[in-house]
Amino acid sequence: MRLDHIAYRVASRQKTAQFFMDALGYKIQQEFAIKFDDGTTAQCMALEPPEKQKQVPWTFMGLISSGETWNATRHLREKHQEYHLPPEIFVSDGPLGSIVGDWVAQRNGIGGIHHIAYQVDSVEKTMQEWKLKGYAEFSSDEPMKCPGLTQVFTKPSILTGVIYEFIERGEHGFCADNVKNLMMATAENKG
């Protein structure tokens, strides 16, 4: 499991994306619009971390030191440690009256983190485990799927207040249909 992305709903996705690009080196991966049945829209932007642009794999193994301050002349134990790249960033905005615009308005027009997504080996198994252990309720009975992509949202956690997303996917990318369905599911749950 690794932190896959952090999703923000904001007043201006362009300004927010520019902040992440200037301050942290993120780059735009893709942009798309979501059109809802009621005629409203949400504009979405996915950003990838600078390490991703250098073709560093999402997960890689490295050696760890034997507990001493590391330097090149000291012996390293043959123990591997798994490392993960920083998460992608997903930013959306929308006009007042839309799912995203109303969510931002409820937060004094500033917005904020909407959810945190974790990449898991199996969305279905993770859902079953969390249901069995009583960790969360989900915004849908079944995961949402697009080619190469499976996702589901929890309702806001009674323990943390956070909405969690579980996701299985390839290297990168978002599916506009899944994003739309996920936005609609959390709108119904006031998430």
Protein backbone atom coordinates (compact mmCIF):
# COMPACT_ATOMS: atom_id res chain seq x y z
CA MET A 1 0.00 0.00 0.00
CA ARG A 2 1.21 3.48 -0.77
CA LEU A 3 -0.21 6.98 -0.72
CA ASP A 4 -1.40 7.43 -4.31
CA HIS A 5 -2.80 10.95 -4.42
CA ILE A 6 -4.25 13.79 -2.39
CA ALA A 7 -7.35 15.42 -3.85
CA TYR A 8 -8.07 19.09 -3.28
CA ARG A 9 -11.25 20.99 -4.06
CA VAL A 10 -10.40 24.66 -4.38
CA ALA A 11 -11.61 28.05 -5.56
CA SER A 12 -9.00 28.22 -8.37
CA ARG A 13 -7.37 25.05 -9.67
CA GLN A 14 -5.00 27.12 -11.82
CA LYS A 15 -3.62 29.08 -8.84
CA THR A 16 -3.46 25.98 -6.66
CA ALA A 17 -1.69 23.96 -9.37
CA GLN A 18 0.76 26.81 -9.93
CA PHE A 19 1.57 26.77 -6.21
CA PHE A 20 2.37 23.02 -6.32
CA MET A 21 4.44 23.49 -9.48
CA ASP A 22 6.43 26.47 -8.18
CA ALA A 23 6.84 25.38 -4.55
CA LEU A 24 7.25 21.60 -4.94
CA GLY A 25 8.19 20.96 -8.58
CA TYR A 26 4.97 19.20 -9.66
CA LYS A 27 4.03 19.17 -13.36
CA ILE A 28 0.64 18.88 -15.04
CA GLN A 29 -0.08 15.29 -16.03
CA GLN A 30 -3.57 15.76 -17.45
CA GLU A 31 -6.58 18.06 -17.42
CA PHE A 32 -10.24 17.31 -18.09
CA ALA A 33 -13.73 18.61 -17.44
CA ILE A 34 -16.58 16.72 -15.81
CA LYS A 35 -20.13 17.51 -16.96
CA PHE A 36 -22.93 16.50 -14.62
CA ASP A 37 -26.49 15.62 -15.59
CA ASP A 38 -27.78 18.87 -14.02
CA GLY A 39 -25.62 20.92 -16.44
CA THR A 40 -22.95 21.90 -13.88
CA THR A 41 -19.27 21.21 -14.37
CA ALA A 42 -16.04 20.59 -12.52
CA GLN A 43 -12.62 21.29 -13.98
CA CYS A 44 -9.93 18.80 -12.96
CA MET A 45 -6.16 18.72 -13.08
CA ALA A 46 -3.80 15.88 -12.15
CA LEU A 47 -0.24 16.78 -11.18
CA GLU A 48 2.70 14.41 -10.89
CA PRO A 49 5.71 14.78 -8.56
CA PRO A 50 9.13 15.72 -9.94
CA GLU A 51 10.50 12.24 -9.21
CA LYS A 52 7.91 10.73 -11.55
CA GLN A 53 9.16 12.95 -14.37
CA LYS A 54 12.65 11.45 -13.94
CA GLN A 55 11.25 7.95 -14.57
CA VAL A 56 11.86 6.81 -10.99
CA PRO A 57 9.56 3.83 -10.33
CA TRP A 58 6.62 4.33 -7.94
CA THR A 59 8.15 1.82 -5.54
CA PHE A 60 11.82 0.96 -5.32
CA MET A 61 14.14 -0.87 -2.94
CA GLY A 62 17.22 0.56 -1.26
CA LEU A 63 19.74 -0.58 1.32
CA ILE A 64 19.55 0.73 4.88
CA SER A 65 22.47 1.31 7.22
CA SER A 66 23.18 -0.70 10.34
CA GLY A 67 21.94 2.13 12.54
CA GLU A 68 25.06 4.27 12.45
CA THR A 69 25.20 7.59 10.69
CA TRP A 70 25.57 6.64 7.06
CA ASN A 71 28.68 7.42 5.14
CA ALA A 72 30.18 5.73 2.10
CA THR A 73 32.96 3.95 4.00
CA ARG A 74 30.72 2.26 6.58
CA HIS A 75 29.31 -1.21 6.04
CA LEU A 76 25.68 -1.48 4.96
CA ARG A 77 23.57 -4.40 6.08
CA GLU A 78 22.00 -6.40 3.28
CA LYS A 79 18.52 -5.35 4.34
CA HIS A 80 16.27 -3.72 1.81
CA GLN A 81 13.80 -0.98 2.57
CA GLU A 82 10.86 -0.10 0.33
CA TYR A 83 10.51 3.55 -0.68
CA HIS A 84 7.63 5.26 -2.46
CA LEU A 85 7.46 8.36 -4.60
CA PRO A 86 5.55 11.37 -3.33
CA PRO A 87 1.84 11.24 -4.16
CA GLU A 88 0.21 12.73 -7.19
CA ILE A 89 -1.99 15.78 -6.59
CA PHE A 90 -5.54 16.04 -7.94
CA VAL A 91 -7.10 19.52 -8.01
CA SER A 92 -10.65 20.45 -8.99
CA ASP A 93 -12.78 23.55 -9.00
CA GLY A 94 -16.27 24.43 -10.18
CA PRO A 95 -18.83 27.21 -10.15
CA LEU A 96 -21.25 27.81 -7.31
CA GLY A 97 -24.13 25.38 -7.70
CA SER A 98 -21.83 22.53 -8.75
CA ILE A 99 -20.69 19.66 -6.50
CA VAL A 100 -17.17 21.08 -6.20
CA GLY A 101 -18.17 24.76 -6.08
CA ASP A 102 -20.70 24.17 -3.29
CA TRP A 103 -18.18 22.06 -1.32
CA VAL A 104 -15.65 24.91 -1.54
CA ALA A 105 -18.29 27.50 -0.58
CA GLN A 106 -19.15 25.49 2.56
CA ARG A 107 -15.51 25.91 3.58
CA ASN A 108 -15.49 29.72 3.45
CA GLY A 109 -14.61 29.77 -0.25
CA ILE A 110 -11.16 28.32 0.38
CA GLY A 111 -11.77 24.59 -0.04
CA GLY A 112 -9.19 22.09 1.08
CA ILE A 113 -8.31 18.41 1.05
CA HIS A 114 -11.33 16.41 -0.08
CA HIS A 115 -9.83 12.93 0.24
CA ILE A 116 -6.66 10.89 0.54
CA ALA A 117 -6.18 7.96 -1.84
CA TYR A 118 -4.23 4.80 -1.13
CA GLN A 119 -3.12 2.42 -3.86
CA VAL A 120 -3.94 -1.13 -2.76
CA ASP A 121 -3.43 -4.58 -4.26
CA SER A 122 -7.18 -5.22 -4.37
CA VAL A 123 -9.92 -2.63 -3.89
CA GLU A 124 -12.51 -5.39 -3.40
CA LYS A 125 -10.49 -7.17 -0.70
CA THR A 126 -9.70 -3.90 1.07
CA MET A 127 -13.40 -2.98 1.05
CA GLN A 128 -14.31 -6.38 2.52
CA GLU A 129 -11.66 -6.09 5.22
CA TRP A 130 -12.67 -2.56 6.23
CA LYS A 131 -16.36 -3.52 6.32
CA LEU A 132 -15.63 -6.63 8.40
CA LYS A 133 -13.51 -4.68 10.89
CA GLY A 134 -15.96 -1.77 11.01
CA TYR A 135 -13.37 0.76 9.88
CA ALA A 136 -15.63 2.56 7.41
CA GLU A 137 -18.79 2.72 5.40
CA PHE A 138 -18.44 3.13 1.66
CA SER A 139 -20.10 5.60 -0.70
CA SER A 140 -21.04 2.78 -3.08
CA ASP A 141 -21.72 -0.94 -2.75
CA GLU A 142 -19.23 -1.86 -5.47
CA PRO A 143 -15.98 -0.30 -6.72
CA MET A 144 -16.11 1.85 -9.85
CA LYS A 145 -14.10 0.62 -12.82
CA CYS A 146 -12.54 1.92 -16.01
CA PRO A 147 -9.98 0.02 -18.11
CA GLY A 148 -6.93 -0.45 -15.88
CA LEU A 149 -8.50 1.45 -12.98
CA THR A 150 -10.61 0.45 -9.98
CA GLN A 151 -11.64 2.92 -7.24
CA VAL A 152 -13.96 3.35 -4.26
CA PHE A 153 -14.53 6.04 -1.60
CA THR A 154 -15.36 5.66 2.04
CA LYS A 155 -17.83 7.98 3.70
CA PRO A 156 -16.10 10.46 6.04
CA SER A 157 -14.44 8.43 8.80
CA ILE A 158 -15.97 8.76 12.27
CA LEU A 159 -12.42 8.39 13.64
CA THR A 160 -10.54 10.90 11.47
CA GLY A 161 -13.17 12.86 9.52
CA VAL A 162 -11.27 11.93 6.35
CA ILE A 163 -12.68 10.39 3.20
CA TYR A 164 -10.41 7.58 2.03
CA GLU A 165 -10.16 6.32 -1.51
CA PHE A 166 -8.76 2.93 -2.42
CA ILE A 167 -7.38 2.65 -5.92
CA GLU A 168 -5.81 0.04 -8.18
CA ARG A 169 -4.17 1.43 -11.29
CA GLY A 170 -1.18 1.45 -13.57
CA GLU A 171 1.50 4.10 -13.57
CA HIS A 172 -0.73 7.17 -13.68
CA GLY A 173 -3.93 8.58 -14.96
CA PHE A 174 -7.47 9.24 -13.93
CA CYS A 175 -10.69 8.24 -15.65
CA ALA A 176 -13.17 11.09 -16.14
CA ASP A 177 -16.16 8.73 -15.80
CA ASN A 178 -14.90 7.38 -12.46
CA VAL A 179 -14.13 10.89 -11.20
CA LYS A 180 -17.67 11.98 -12.09
CA ASN A 181 -19.22 8.96 -10.36
CA LEU A 182 -17.01 9.37 -7.31
CA MET A 183 -17.87 13.09 -7.06
CA MET A 184 -21.57 12.30 -7.27
CA ALA A 185 -21.24 9.57 -4.62
CA THR A 186 -19.54 11.89 -2.14
CA ALA A 187 -22.02 14.70 -2.88
CA GLU A 188 -24.83 12.43 -1.75
CA ASN A 189 -22.92 11.73 1.48
CA LYS A 190 -22.08 15.42 2.03
CA GLY A 191 -18.39 14.53 1.72
